[in-house]
Amino acid sequence: MKLLTPFHPMLGLLSMQYCSVVPHEVVEKYGKDFRSHPCGTGPFRFKSWEEGQDLILIKNEHYFEKDASGEPLPYLDAIKISFFDNRATEFLLLQQGRLDFMNDIDPSFKDEVLNKKGELKKDWRGRLQLSKSPYLNTEYLGIVVDSSLAIVKNSPLRLLKIRQAINYGFDRRKMMMYLRNSIGTPAESGFIPPGLPCYDSAIVIGYHYDPAKARQLLKEAGFPDGGGLPQITLKTIDTYADLAGFIVRELQEIGIRVQVDIVQKSLLLEETAKSQAPFFRASWIGDYPDAENYLSVFYSENPAPPNYTRYHNAAFDQLYRQSLIENNDSLRYSLYRKMDQLVIRDAPIVPLWYDEVIHLVSPSVSGFEANGLNLLELRHTRIR
């Protein structure tokens, strides 16, 4: 494989599942039907699949890896993956021992299982294992900042100090504790989340709750106590209505009036892609474990997606291009942090929180490790 130009994150791209090795002769034989006749090199092999019901994989007896004691991997003989539309159904089956784990916790029962510190409540200790680890996902509010667009020319969000005031104007820590049961970390650094080696909250300084600072910025922008500031509309989906409501109430206390517009997810995606939503809720899940994946969201030569905010900063672009050809990890990470700090300073986004992988696991399961991309990794898993 020969690249047209240097692109160091290529190694990260090659680690994605889309780049898994498959035999060309099987692909050629089945063509588009290869998805129903998969053949690869992994620890498990395909047995059966009833779409929307379950997928069964069995141990690959020819898998090449062994553990430190020389025992062949994987340990499990087979896996059954079930598909449900209802999280409550999943949780009930987990309690009944008919599932060994479930991914994430639905808001409908998070208060039943977790306390406000994000720990298992007493009634569930011994009945379930709780696994939490950094997830390469940053939840944020996006702001379109391209002043050539009509929706930006007449928006108060075109003003840097208004965007910064919003960032200072609500308590992320309180939001995480009371609305998320401490699932995730308040985003008080940059756009790059914990879990990547270049993340350093001591170097990239983000926003924290400072209502006095927010009011001062409003005053400097020409809107003391919010006087004369037009109402701003925040577009989100129903799942995040409570979080949006919390932010709106906090911002109102400092004089920033925000109206929440709940829309369908498909419509929100369409409007953000067309720059028709000046202020919107979004998230960015890492496709591969390299911070370039996050910084590409702000490179001016990229369209939307990924540059939904239409951010354009010549200094950022220069650093971004420089980072692509830098082979020294320490120097490249330094460039990443500089770019991250530029984005935070210019505030085309309002970082909310850095997400966590949450697994509820049966006590009989061991060796089931989470990872930053939340991929199902079962080579070393056992069930007693």
Foldseek 3Di string as FASTA:
>chain_A
DDDPDFFVCVVQVCPFPVNFDFDPVLCVVQPVCCVQVPDGQDQWAFDHDDPQAKGKTAGDPPRDDDDPVRHDWAPDGMDIGGHDPDVVVVVVCLLVVNDFKDWDDALVCCVVQAALQRDGDPVCVVFWDKDKDFAFKFWWKFAAQDCVDPVLVPAPVVDQLQLVLLLQQAALVVCCRPRVSVFFAFPQFFRGFPQAPLDDCVQGGFYHHDLVSSQVSCVVSPQRLQNPHDEAEEEEAPSCPVVVVRSQVRNVRSHHHYHYDHDDPVVVLVCLQVVNHRIYIDMDGDSGRDCLSVLVLQQQVDGPVVVSNNHDDPVLNVLSVVLRNDPDPVVSSVSSSVSRNVCNSSNSMRTRGRGMIIMIGGPQKPPFDAGRNRDGDRTHIDGD
